[in-house]
């Protein structure tokens, strides 16, 4: 199914939680129904220092991700690179590979929230957290009947405009590379990886002054 994952800015004068409530209220007014919760998490692994010095390679980042929508799978993504879909035991393998990849624990980031069903659309509004604090808001919208991503972008956009208004995102870069091929769960995870990295970078910019 075609799917868009986007960040929604926090409304002026509101908290992350209040902005999430505004979005979910709009969805409920449209007639969307709650269907449980969801969670997408992402851990960052970097190439161990010993591997870099012995092989003279540059360090690489690997993101190990889980999505409650696919409870039996684990996704390993390289930035600008392939996505490996493995079974849930992959986490145990990563522990055994700690001589090669080290977990940057402080970088763990996740989005969790409520799933909504509206006609053929599945919407997930999540609070993105790093450590104890809320860092942003993610909105995932999936058009369930369509497997060719580009065929459903106009429909997705029209529906997103109904509750995201001027924060409706542009077409995801992953759609551009798919052309007429079939959309897969790995494409959704790549979008979450991009969103999480964007939010991480936003946190590293010092605030220039308090308004």
N, C-alpha and C. Protein backbone atom coordinates (compact mmCIF):
# COMPACT_ATOMS: atom_id res chain seq x y z
N UNK A 1 0.82 -1.20 0.00
CA UNK A 1 0.00 0.00 0.00
C UNK A 1 0.85 1.25 0.00
N UNK A 2 0.44 2.27 -0.75
CA UNK A 2 1.18 3.53 -0.77
C UNK A 2 1.07 4.22 0.58
N UNK A 3 2.16 4.85 1.00
CA UNK A 3 2.18 5.38 2.35
C UNK A 3 3.06 6.61 2.41
N UNK A 4 2.64 7.61 3.20
CA UNK A 4 3.43 8.82 3.40
C UNK A 4 3.70 9.00 4.89
N UNK A 5 4.96 9.26 5.23
CA UNK A 5 5.32 9.54 6.63
C UNK A 5 5.87 10.96 6.67
N UNK A 6 5.29 11.80 7.51
CA UNK A 6 5.70 13.21 7.53
C UNK A 6 5.77 13.74 8.95
N UNK A 7 6.55 14.81 9.10
CA UNK A 7 6.61 15.50 10.39
C UNK A 7 5.63 16.67 10.36
N UNK A 8 4.93 16.85 11.47
CA UNK A 8 4.02 18.00 11.59
C UNK A 8 4.60 18.92 12.66
N UNK A 9 4.77 20.22 12.34
CA UNK A 9 5.33 21.12 13.36
C UNK A 9 4.37 21.32 14.53
N UNK A 10 4.93 21.63 15.67
CA UNK A 10 4.12 21.90 16.86
C UNK A 10 3.40 23.24 16.64
N UNK A 11 2.10 23.25 16.93
CA UNK A 11 1.30 24.47 16.73
C UNK A 11 1.80 25.58 17.66
N UNK A 12 1.72 26.81 17.16
CA UNK A 12 2.23 27.94 17.93
C UNK A 12 1.54 28.06 19.28
N UNK A 13 2.35 28.19 20.32
CA UNK A 13 1.79 28.33 21.66
C UNK A 13 1.25 27.04 22.26
N UNK A 14 1.45 25.92 21.56
CA UNK A 14 0.93 24.63 22.05
C UNK A 14 2.11 23.68 22.34
N UNK A 15 1.82 22.65 23.12
CA UNK A 15 2.84 21.63 23.37
C UNK A 15 2.71 20.54 22.31
N UNK A 16 3.66 19.61 22.29
CA UNK A 16 3.59 18.47 21.37
C UNK A 16 2.27 17.72 21.60
N UNK A 17 1.97 17.45 22.87
CA UNK A 17 0.78 16.67 23.20
C UNK A 17 -0.50 17.38 22.75
N UNK A 18 -0.57 18.70 22.97
CA UNK A 18 -1.76 19.47 22.55
C UNK A 18 -1.92 19.46 21.03
N UNK A 19 -0.79 19.52 20.30
CA UNK A 19 -0.85 19.50 18.83
C UNK A 19 -1.34 18.14 18.35
N UNK A 20 -0.87 17.07 18.99
CA UNK A 20 -1.34 15.71 18.66
C UNK A 20 -2.85 15.63 18.87
N UNK A 21 -3.32 16.21 19.98
CA UNK A 21 -4.77 16.18 20.28
C UNK A 21 -5.57 16.95 19.23
N UNK A 22 -5.03 18.07 18.76
CA UNK A 22 -5.71 18.86 17.72
C UNK A 22 -5.86 18.01 16.45
N UNK A 23 -4.77 17.33 16.06
CA UNK A 23 -4.78 16.49 14.85
C UNK A 23 -5.77 15.33 14.99
N UNK A 24 -5.72 14.66 16.14
CA UNK A 24 -6.59 13.48 16.30
C UNK A 24 -8.07 13.91 16.40
N UNK A 25 -8.31 15.10 16.95
CA UNK A 25 -9.69 15.59 17.01
C UNK A 25 -10.22 15.85 15.60
N UNK A 26 -9.36 16.41 14.74
CA UNK A 26 -9.77 16.65 13.34
C UNK A 26 -10.11 15.34 12.65
N UNK A 27 -9.28 14.32 12.90
CA UNK A 27 -9.53 12.99 12.30
C UNK A 27 -10.85 12.42 12.78
N UNK A 28 -11.11 12.56 14.08
CA UNK A 28 -12.36 12.01 14.64
C UNK A 28 -13.57 12.76 14.09
N UNK A 29 -13.43 14.07 13.87
CA UNK A 29 -14.54 14.85 13.30
C UNK A 29 -14.83 14.42 11.86
N UNK A 30 -13.77 13.98 11.15
CA UNK A 30 -13.96 13.47 9.78
C UNK A 30 -14.72 12.14 9.79
N UNK A 31 -14.65 11.44 10.94
CA UNK A 31 -15.31 10.14 11.03
C UNK A 31 -14.33 8.98 11.15
N UNK A 32 -13.04 9.30 11.40
CA UNK A 32 -12.04 8.23 11.56
C UNK A 32 -12.27 7.53 12.90
N UNK A 33 -12.02 6.22 12.90
CA UNK A 33 -12.23 5.43 14.13
C UNK A 33 -10.91 4.92 14.67
N UNK A 34 -10.77 4.98 16.00
CA UNK A 34 -9.56 4.49 16.66
C UNK A 34 -9.45 2.98 16.47
N UNK A 35 -8.24 2.52 16.15
CA UNK A 35 -8.00 1.08 16.03
C UNK A 35 -6.68 0.72 16.69
N UNK A 36 -6.64 0.85 17.99
CA UNK A 36 -5.45 0.44 18.73
C UNK A 36 -4.31 1.44 18.64
N UNK A 37 -3.14 0.97 19.01
CA UNK A 37 -1.96 1.85 19.06
C UNK A 37 -0.87 1.31 18.14
N UNK A 38 0.20 2.09 17.98
CA UNK A 38 1.32 1.64 17.16
C UNK A 38 2.62 2.17 17.77
N UNK A 39 3.72 1.55 17.39
CA UNK A 39 5.03 2.04 17.80
C UNK A 39 6.05 1.70 16.72
N UNK A 40 6.88 2.69 16.37
CA UNK A 40 8.02 2.47 15.46
C UNK A 40 9.25 2.94 16.23
N UNK A 41 10.26 2.06 16.37
CA UNK A 41 11.46 2.50 17.08
C UNK A 41 12.70 2.33 16.21
N UNK A 42 13.74 3.05 16.58
CA UNK A 42 14.96 3.05 15.77
C UNK A 42 16.18 3.19 16.68
N UNK A 43 17.09 2.21 16.57
CA UNK A 43 18.35 2.28 17.31
C UNK A 43 19.49 2.49 16.31
N UNK A 44 20.44 3.31 16.69
CA UNK A 44 21.57 3.61 15.82
C UNK A 44 22.79 2.79 16.22
N UNK A 45 23.40 2.17 15.23
CA UNK A 45 24.66 1.44 15.46
C UNK A 45 25.73 2.09 14.59
N UNK A 46 26.92 2.24 15.18
CA UNK A 46 28.01 2.76 14.36
C UNK A 46 29.13 1.72 14.29
N UNK A 47 29.91 1.77 13.24
CA UNK A 47 31.01 0.82 13.06
C UNK A 47 31.97 0.96 14.24
N UNK A 48 32.34 -0.16 14.85
CA UNK A 48 33.23 -0.14 16.01
C UNK A 48 34.58 0.45 15.62
N UNK A 49 35.16 1.20 16.56
CA UNK A 49 36.44 1.87 16.30
C UNK A 49 37.53 0.88 15.89
N UNK A 50 37.51 -0.30 16.50
CA UNK A 50 38.55 -1.31 16.19
C UNK A 50 38.47 -1.74 14.73
N UNK A 51 37.25 -1.85 14.19
CA UNK A 51 37.05 -2.26 12.79
C UNK A 51 37.59 -1.18 11.85
N UNK A 52 37.31 0.08 12.20
CA UNK A 52 37.75 1.18 11.33
C UNK A 52 39.27 1.23 11.27
N UNK A 53 39.93 1.15 12.46
CA UNK A 53 41.39 1.28 12.48
C UNK A 53 42.08 0.09 11.81
N UNK A 54 41.51 -1.11 11.97
CA UNK A 54 42.18 -2.29 11.39
C UNK A 54 41.98 -2.39 9.88
N UNK A 55 40.84 -1.90 9.41
CA UNK A 55 40.55 -2.04 7.98
C UNK A 55 40.64 -0.72 7.21
N UNK A 56 40.91 0.35 7.93
CA UNK A 56 41.06 1.65 7.28
C UNK A 56 39.79 2.13 6.60
N UNK A 57 38.63 1.68 7.11
CA UNK A 57 37.36 2.08 6.48
C UNK A 57 36.79 3.31 7.19
N UNK A 58 35.90 3.99 6.50
CA UNK A 58 35.19 5.09 7.16
C UNK A 58 34.02 4.50 7.92
N UNK A 59 33.69 5.13 9.04
CA UNK A 59 32.59 4.62 9.87
C UNK A 59 31.26 4.72 9.16
N UNK A 60 30.44 3.72 9.36
CA UNK A 60 29.10 3.73 8.76
C UNK A 60 28.05 3.64 9.85
N UNK A 61 26.91 4.24 9.58
CA UNK A 61 25.80 4.14 10.53
C UNK A 61 24.79 3.13 10.01
N UNK A 62 24.29 2.32 10.92
CA UNK A 62 23.22 1.38 10.55
C UNK A 62 22.08 1.61 11.55
N UNK A 63 20.87 1.60 11.02
CA UNK A 63 19.69 1.83 11.86
C UNK A 63 18.90 0.52 11.95
N UNK A 64 18.69 0.06 13.17
CA UNK A 64 17.90 -1.16 13.37
C UNK A 64 16.53 -0.72 13.89
N UNK A 65 15.49 -1.08 13.12
CA UNK A 65 14.15 -0.54 13.39
C UNK A 65 13.12 -1.63 13.55
N UNK A 66 12.08 -1.31 14.34
CA UNK A 66 10.94 -2.21 14.52
C UNK A 66 9.66 -1.41 14.28
N UNK A 67 8.63 -2.11 13.84
CA UNK A 67 7.34 -1.47 13.59
C UNK A 67 6.26 -2.44 14.08
N UNK A 68 5.40 -1.97 15.00
CA UNK A 68 4.38 -2.85 15.58
C UNK A 68 3.43 -3.41 14.53
N UNK A 69 3.40 -2.77 13.35
CA UNK A 69 2.56 -3.26 12.25
C UNK A 69 3.13 -4.58 11.68
N UNK A 70 4.44 -4.77 11.88
CA UNK A 70 5.13 -6.00 11.40
C UNK A 70 5.88 -6.62 12.58
N UNK A 71 5.13 -7.21 13.53
CA UNK A 71 5.75 -7.65 14.79
C UNK A 71 6.81 -8.74 14.65
N UNK A 72 6.79 -9.48 13.55
CA UNK A 72 7.75 -10.59 13.40
C UNK A 72 9.01 -10.18 12.64
N UNK A 73 9.06 -8.90 12.25
CA UNK A 73 10.19 -8.45 11.43
C UNK A 73 11.05 -7.42 12.14
N UNK A 74 12.28 -7.34 11.68
CA UNK A 74 13.23 -6.34 12.15
C UNK A 74 13.85 -5.76 10.88
N UNK A 75 14.01 -4.45 10.83
CA UNK A 75 14.52 -3.79 9.62
C UNK A 75 15.89 -3.19 9.92
N UNK A 76 16.86 -3.48 9.08
CA UNK A 76 18.19 -2.89 9.23
C UNK A 76 18.45 -2.03 8.00
N UNK A 77 18.64 -0.72 8.22
CA UNK A 77 18.80 0.21 7.11
C UNK A 77 20.13 0.94 7.20
N UNK A 78 20.78 1.10 6.06
CA UNK A 78 21.96 1.94 5.97
C UNK A 78 21.51 3.25 5.34
N UNK A 79 22.11 4.35 5.77
CA UNK A 79 21.77 5.64 5.17
C UNK A 79 22.12 5.58 3.69
N UNK A 80 21.23 6.00 2.83
CA UNK A 80 21.40 5.97 1.37
C UNK A 80 21.72 4.57 0.86
N UNK A 81 21.30 3.57 1.61
CA UNK A 81 21.70 2.22 1.19
C UNK A 81 20.56 1.24 1.27
N UNK A 82 20.90 -0.03 1.24
CA UNK A 82 19.85 -1.05 1.20
C UNK A 82 19.14 -1.20 2.53
N UNK A 83 18.00 -1.87 2.49
CA UNK A 83 17.26 -2.20 3.70
C UNK A 83 17.16 -3.71 3.78
N UNK A 84 17.60 -4.25 4.89
CA UNK A 84 17.53 -5.69 5.11
C UNK A 84 16.32 -5.97 5.98
N UNK A 85 15.46 -6.89 5.55
CA UNK A 85 14.32 -7.27 6.39
C UNK A 85 14.63 -8.65 6.96
N UNK A 86 14.72 -8.72 8.28
CA UNK A 86 15.09 -9.98 8.94
C UNK A 86 14.00 -10.35 9.94
N UNK A 87 14.13 -11.52 10.56
CA UNK A 87 13.14 -11.85 11.60
C UNK A 87 13.57 -11.21 12.92
N UNK A 88 12.72 -11.34 13.92
CA UNK A 88 12.93 -10.61 15.17
C UNK A 88 14.21 -11.02 15.90
N UNK A 89 14.78 -12.18 15.57
CA UNK A 89 16.02 -12.62 16.22
C UNK A 89 17.23 -11.78 15.83
N UNK A 90 17.05 -10.89 14.87
CA UNK A 90 18.16 -10.05 14.40
C UNK A 90 18.76 -9.24 15.55
N UNK A 91 17.91 -8.85 16.52
CA UNK A 91 18.39 -8.08 17.67
C UNK A 91 19.46 -8.85 18.44
N UNK A 92 19.26 -10.17 18.57
CA UNK A 92 20.21 -11.01 19.31
C UNK A 92 21.53 -11.07 18.53
N UNK A 93 21.40 -11.13 17.20
CA UNK A 93 22.59 -11.16 16.35
C UNK A 93 23.41 -9.88 16.52
N UNK A 94 22.72 -8.74 16.63
CA UNK A 94 23.43 -7.46 16.78
C UNK A 94 24.25 -7.43 18.07
N UNK A 95 23.75 -8.08 19.13
CA UNK A 95 24.50 -8.15 20.39
C UNK A 95 25.80 -8.92 20.15
N UNK A 96 25.69 -10.01 19.37
CA UNK A 96 26.88 -10.83 19.09
C UNK A 96 27.87 -10.11 18.18
N UNK A 97 27.38 -9.13 17.41
CA UNK A 97 28.26 -8.41 16.48
C UNK A 97 28.84 -7.14 17.09
N UNK A 98 28.78 -7.03 18.43
CA UNK A 98 29.18 -5.76 19.04
C UNK A 98 30.66 -5.40 18.81
N UNK A 99 31.47 -6.38 18.40
CA UNK A 99 32.85 -6.06 18.04
C UNK A 99 32.92 -5.28 16.73
N UNK A 100 31.84 -5.36 15.93
CA UNK A 100 31.80 -4.68 14.63
C UNK A 100 30.88 -3.46 14.64
N UNK A 101 29.73 -3.62 15.31
CA UNK A 101 28.76 -2.51 15.37
C UNK A 101 28.45 -2.21 16.84
N UNK A 102 28.55 -0.94 17.20
CA UNK A 102 28.25 -0.57 18.58
C UNK A 102 26.99 0.28 18.64
N UNK A 103 26.18 -0.01 19.64
CA UNK A 103 24.89 0.65 19.79
C UNK A 103 25.08 2.03 20.43
N UNK A 104 24.68 3.06 19.70
CA UNK A 104 24.72 4.42 20.27
C UNK A 104 23.43 4.61 21.05
N UNK A 105 23.42 4.09 22.28
CA UNK A 105 22.17 4.00 23.07
C UNK A 105 21.46 5.34 23.25
N UNK A 106 22.25 6.41 23.40
CA UNK A 106 21.65 7.72 23.64
C UNK A 106 20.83 8.19 22.44
N UNK A 107 21.02 7.54 21.28
CA UNK A 107 20.34 7.97 20.06
C UNK A 107 19.04 7.24 19.80
N UNK A 108 18.60 6.36 20.71
CA UNK A 108 17.35 5.62 20.46
C UNK A 108 16.19 6.61 20.34
N UNK A 109 15.38 6.41 19.33
CA UNK A 109 14.26 7.33 19.08
C UNK A 109 13.06 6.49 18.68
N UNK A 110 11.88 6.92 19.07
CA UNK A 110 10.68 6.16 18.70
C UNK A 110 9.49 7.07 18.53
N UNK A 111 8.52 6.55 17.80
CA UNK A 111 7.25 7.26 17.64
C UNK A 111 6.15 6.31 18.06
N UNK A 112 5.29 6.77 18.97
CA UNK A 112 4.16 5.92 19.34
C UNK A 112 2.89 6.77 19.48
N UNK A 113 1.78 6.13 19.20
CA UNK A 113 0.52 6.87 19.26
C UNK A 113 -0.65 5.98 18.87
N UNK A 114 -1.68 6.62 18.29
CA UNK A 114 -2.94 5.92 18.01
C UNK A 114 -3.09 5.67 16.51
N UNK A 115 -3.65 4.50 16.19
CA UNK A 115 -3.98 4.17 14.79
C UNK A 115 -5.44 4.55 14.55
N UNK A 116 -5.72 5.10 13.38
CA UNK A 116 -7.09 5.44 12.99
C UNK A 116 -7.41 4.84 11.63
N UNK A 117 -8.64 4.38 11.48
CA UNK A 117 -9.08 3.88 10.17
C UNK A 117 -10.15 4.85 9.66
N UNK A 118 -9.97 5.27 8.42
CA UNK A 118 -10.99 6.13 7.79
C UNK A 118 -11.17 5.62 6.36
N UNK A 119 -12.32 5.01 6.08
CA UNK A 119 -12.56 4.39 4.76
C UNK A 119 -11.36 3.49 4.43
N UNK A 120 -10.68 3.77 3.30
CA UNK A 120 -9.55 2.92 2.89
C UNK A 120 -8.21 3.43 3.41
N UNK A 121 -8.24 4.41 4.30
CA UNK A 121 -7.00 5.00 4.81
C UNK A 121 -6.72 4.54 6.24
N UNK A 122 -5.44 4.30 6.49
CA UNK A 122 -4.98 4.00 7.85
C UNK A 122 -4.08 5.17 8.24
N UNK A 123 -4.39 5.81 9.37
CA UNK A 123 -3.63 6.99 9.80
C UNK A 123 -3.02 6.73 11.17
N UNK A 124 -1.74 7.05 11.32
CA UNK A 124 -1.08 6.87 12.62
C UNK A 124 -0.46 8.21 13.03
N UNK A 125 -0.95 8.76 14.13
CA UNK A 125 -0.41 10.02 14.65
C UNK A 125 0.44 9.68 15.86
N UNK A 126 1.73 9.99 15.79
CA UNK A 126 2.63 9.58 16.85
C UNK A 126 3.41 10.72 17.47
N UNK A 127 3.74 10.55 18.75
CA UNK A 127 4.65 11.46 19.43
C UNK A 127 6.05 10.86 19.33
N UNK A 128 6.98 11.64 18.80
CA UNK A 128 8.36 11.16 18.63
C UNK A 128 9.15 11.52 19.89
N UNK A 129 9.72 10.50 20.53
CA UNK A 129 10.47 10.76 21.75
C UNK A 129 11.90 10.26 21.62
N UNK A 130 12.80 11.00 22.28
CA UNK A 130 14.20 10.58 22.45
C UNK A 130 14.46 10.69 23.93
N UNK A 131 14.80 9.56 24.56
CA UNK A 131 14.96 9.60 26.02
C UNK A 131 13.62 9.95 26.65
N UNK A 132 13.63 10.81 27.66
CA UNK A 132 12.36 11.10 28.36
C UNK A 132 11.52 12.18 27.69
N UNK A 133 12.08 12.86 26.67
CA UNK A 133 11.34 14.04 26.18
C UNK A 133 10.74 13.87 24.79
N UNK A 134 9.58 14.52 24.61
CA UNK A 134 8.90 14.52 23.30
C UNK A 134 9.63 15.50 22.40
N UNK A 135 9.99 15.03 21.18
CA UNK A 135 10.78 15.87 20.28
C UNK A 135 10.04 16.29 19.02
N UNK A 136 8.89 15.68 18.75
CA UNK A 136 8.19 16.03 17.51
C UNK A 136 6.96 15.17 17.31
N UNK A 137 6.35 15.34 16.14
CA UNK A 137 5.10 14.64 15.81
C UNK A 137 5.25 14.00 14.44
N UNK A 138 4.86 12.73 14.34
CA UNK A 138 4.87 12.06 13.03
C UNK A 138 3.45 11.72 12.63
N UNK A 139 3.18 11.80 11.33
CA UNK A 139 1.88 11.38 10.80
C UNK A 139 2.15 10.43 9.64
N UNK A 140 1.65 9.21 9.77
CA UNK A 140 1.77 8.22 8.68
C UNK A 140 0.37 8.01 8.11
N UNK A 141 0.25 8.13 6.81
CA UNK A 141 -1.04 7.90 6.14
C UNK A 141 -0.84 6.84 5.07
N UNK A 142 -1.65 5.81 5.14
CA UNK A 142 -1.51 4.70 4.19
C UNK A 142 -2.84 4.51 3.46
N UNK A 143 -2.74 4.39 2.14
CA UNK A 143 -3.93 4.08 1.34
C UNK A 143 -3.87 2.59 1.06
N UNK A 144 -4.72 1.84 1.75
CA UNK A 144 -4.57 0.38 1.81
C UNK A 144 -4.78 -0.37 0.48
N UNK A 145 -5.74 0.01 -0.39
CA UNK A 145 -5.98 -0.84 -1.57
C UNK A 145 -4.91 -0.79 -2.65
N UNK A 146 -4.01 0.22 -2.60
CA UNK A 146 -3.12 0.46 -3.75
C UNK A 146 -1.70 -0.04 -3.47
N UNK A 147 -1.14 -0.81 -4.41
CA UNK A 147 0.23 -1.31 -4.21
C UNK A 147 1.27 -0.56 -5.02
N UNK A 148 0.85 0.20 -6.03
CA UNK A 148 1.80 1.02 -6.81
C UNK A 148 1.75 2.43 -6.22
N UNK A 149 2.84 2.81 -5.55
CA UNK A 149 2.84 4.06 -4.77
C UNK A 149 2.40 5.27 -5.58
N UNK A 150 2.96 5.44 -6.77
CA UNK A 150 2.68 6.66 -7.54
C UNK A 150 1.23 6.76 -7.98
N UNK A 151 0.54 5.63 -8.06
CA UNK A 151 -0.86 5.65 -8.49
C UNK A 151 -1.77 6.31 -7.45
N UNK A 152 -1.34 6.32 -6.19
CA UNK A 152 -2.28 6.81 -5.16
C UNK A 152 -1.83 8.11 -4.52
N UNK A 153 -0.74 8.72 -5.02
CA UNK A 153 -0.24 9.93 -4.34
C UNK A 153 -1.29 11.04 -4.31
N UNK A 154 -2.00 11.28 -5.43
CA UNK A 154 -2.99 12.37 -5.45
C UNK A 154 -4.10 12.15 -4.43
N UNK A 155 -4.53 10.89 -4.32
CA UNK A 155 -5.56 10.55 -3.32
C UNK A 155 -5.04 10.78 -1.90
N UNK A 156 -3.82 10.32 -1.66
CA UNK A 156 -3.21 10.49 -0.33
C UNK A 156 -3.13 11.97 0.02
N UNK A 157 -2.68 12.78 -0.95
CA UNK A 157 -2.49 14.21 -0.70
C UNK A 157 -3.83 14.89 -0.40
N UNK A 158 -4.82 14.54 -1.18
CA UNK A 158 -6.15 15.14 -0.99
C UNK A 158 -6.68 14.84 0.41
N UNK A 159 -6.50 13.57 0.83
CA UNK A 159 -6.99 13.18 2.16
C UNK A 159 -6.17 13.88 3.26
N UNK A 160 -4.85 13.95 3.08
CA UNK A 160 -4.00 14.59 4.11
C UNK A 160 -4.35 16.06 4.28
N UNK A 161 -4.70 16.71 3.16
CA UNK A 161 -5.06 18.14 3.24
C UNK A 161 -6.30 18.35 4.11
N UNK A 162 -7.16 17.33 4.19
CA UNK A 162 -8.40 17.49 4.95
C UNK A 162 -8.17 17.63 6.46
N UNK A 163 -7.02 17.14 6.96
CA UNK A 163 -6.78 17.33 8.40
C UNK A 163 -5.39 17.92 8.72
N UNK A 164 -4.48 17.96 7.70
CA UNK A 164 -3.16 18.55 7.93
C UNK A 164 -3.03 19.95 7.32
N UNK A 165 -4.01 20.33 6.50
CA UNK A 165 -4.05 21.67 5.88
C UNK A 165 -2.71 22.02 5.24
N UNK A 166 -2.14 23.19 5.61
CA UNK A 166 -0.92 23.64 4.93
C UNK A 166 0.34 22.90 5.40
N UNK A 167 0.19 21.91 6.28
CA UNK A 167 1.35 21.09 6.67
C UNK A 167 1.39 19.77 5.89
N UNK A 168 0.54 19.68 4.86
CA UNK A 168 0.56 18.48 4.01
C UNK A 168 1.93 18.37 3.34
N UNK A 169 2.57 17.20 3.44
CA UNK A 169 3.93 17.07 2.89
C UNK A 169 3.94 16.95 1.36
N UNK A 170 5.11 17.15 0.80
CA UNK A 170 5.31 16.89 -0.62
C UNK A 170 5.50 15.39 -0.83
N UNK A 171 5.59 14.99 -2.08
CA UNK A 171 5.73 13.57 -2.40
C UNK A 171 7.03 13.01 -1.81
N UNK A 172 6.98 11.89 -1.07
CA UNK A 172 8.20 11.34 -0.46
C UNK A 172 9.23 10.94 -1.52
N UNK A 173 10.51 11.11 -1.19
CA UNK A 173 11.58 10.80 -2.16
C UNK A 173 11.53 9.33 -2.57
N UNK A 174 11.07 8.47 -1.66
CA UNK A 174 11.01 7.04 -1.96
C UNK A 174 10.02 6.76 -3.12
N UNK A 175 8.99 7.61 -3.27
CA UNK A 175 8.04 7.44 -4.38
C UNK A 175 8.75 7.69 -5.70
N UNK A 176 9.64 8.69 -5.71
CA UNK A 176 10.35 9.05 -6.94
C UNK A 176 11.22 7.91 -7.44
N UNK A 177 11.79 7.14 -6.50
CA UNK A 177 12.68 6.04 -6.92
C UNK A 177 11.90 4.78 -7.26
N UNK A 178 10.63 4.71 -6.81
CA UNK A 178 9.84 3.50 -7.04
C UNK A 178 9.27 3.43 -8.45
N UNK A 179 8.94 4.59 -9.02
CA UNK A 179 8.26 4.66 -10.33
C UNK A 179 7.02 3.76 -10.30
N UNK A 180 7.00 2.72 -11.10
CA UNK A 180 5.80 1.88 -11.13
C UNK A 180 5.98 0.56 -10.39
N UNK A 181 7.01 0.48 -9.55
CA UNK A 181 7.20 -0.78 -8.83
C UNK A 181 6.34 -0.81 -7.56
N UNK A 182 6.29 -1.98 -6.97
CA UNK A 182 5.38 -2.20 -5.83
C UNK A 182 5.97 -1.62 -4.55
N UNK A 183 5.12 -0.95 -3.80
CA UNK A 183 5.52 -0.33 -2.54
C UNK A 183 5.65 -1.43 -1.48
N UNK A 184 6.68 -1.32 -0.63
CA UNK A 184 6.88 -2.37 0.38
C UNK A 184 7.06 -1.76 1.77
N UNK A 185 6.95 -2.58 2.83
CA UNK A 185 7.15 -2.07 4.19
C UNK A 185 8.51 -1.38 4.36
N UNK A 186 9.52 -1.85 3.63
CA UNK A 186 10.86 -1.24 3.73
C UNK A 186 10.82 0.24 3.32
N UNK A 187 9.93 0.58 2.38
CA UNK A 187 9.81 1.98 1.93
C UNK A 187 9.25 2.86 3.05
N UNK A 188 8.33 2.29 3.83
CA UNK A 188 7.78 3.04 4.97
C UNK A 188 8.88 3.26 6.01
N UNK A 189 9.68 2.21 6.27
CA UNK A 189 10.73 2.33 7.27
C UNK A 189 11.79 3.34 6.84
N UNK A 190 12.07 3.39 5.54
CA UNK A 190 13.05 4.38 5.03
C UNK A 190 12.53 5.80 5.30
N UNK A 191 11.21 5.99 5.16
CA UNK A 191 10.63 7.32 5.43
C UNK A 191 10.74 7.67 6.92
N UNK A 192 10.49 6.67 7.80
CA UNK A 192 10.64 6.91 9.24
C UNK A 192 12.09 7.24 9.58
N UNK A 193 13.04 6.53 8.94
CA UNK A 193 14.46 6.79 9.21
C UNK A 193 14.80 8.24 8.86
N UNK A 194 14.31 8.70 7.70
CA UNK A 194 14.55 10.10 7.28
C UNK A 194 13.96 11.08 8.29
N UNK A 195 12.73 10.79 8.72
CA UNK A 195 12.03 11.67 9.66
C UNK A 195 12.78 11.72 11.00
N UNK A 196 13.19 10.54 11.52
CA UNK A 196 13.91 10.49 12.79
C UNK A 196 15.24 11.24 12.70
N UNK A 197 15.95 11.09 11.59
CA UNK A 197 17.24 11.78 11.44
C UNK A 197 17.05 13.29 11.38
N UNK A 198 15.95 13.71 10.74
CA UNK A 198 15.64 15.14 10.65
C UNK A 198 15.39 15.70 12.06
N UNK A 199 14.62 14.96 12.85
CA UNK A 199 14.29 15.41 14.21
C UNK A 199 15.55 15.42 15.08
N UNK A 200 16.41 14.40 14.92
CA UNK A 200 17.68 14.38 15.68
C UNK A 200 18.51 15.62 15.37
N UNK A 201 18.60 15.96 14.08
CA UNK A 201 19.43 17.11 13.68
C UNK A 201 18.84 18.42 14.21
N UNK A 202 17.52 18.52 14.23
CA UNK A 202 16.87 19.74 14.74
C UNK A 202 17.23 19.96 16.20
N UNK A 203 17.39 18.86 16.94
CA UNK A 203 17.69 18.97 18.36
C UNK A 203 19.12 19.43 18.60
N UNK A 204 20.01 19.22 17.61
CA UNK A 204 21.41 19.57 17.80
C UNK A 204 21.69 21.05 17.54
N UNK A 205 20.72 21.75 16.94
CA UNK A 205 20.91 23.17 16.63
C UNK A 205 20.64 23.98 17.90
N UNK A 206 21.60 24.78 18.39
CA UNK A 206 21.34 25.55 19.60
C UNK A 206 20.26 26.61 19.38
N UNK A 207 19.44 26.82 20.36
CA UNK A 207 18.37 27.82 20.25
C UNK A 207 19.01 29.20 20.38
N UNK A 208 18.72 30.08 19.43
CA UNK A 208 19.41 31.38 19.35
C UNK A 208 18.89 32.40 20.35
N UNK A 209 17.92 32.05 21.12
CA UNK A 209 17.36 33.01 22.06
C UNK A 209 15.93 32.60 22.38
N UNK A 210 15.50 32.93 23.56
CA UNK A 210 14.14 32.50 23.95
C UNK A 210 13.17 33.64 23.69
N UNK A 211 12.14 33.32 22.93
CA UNK A 211 11.17 34.38 22.60
C UNK A 211 10.15 34.49 23.73
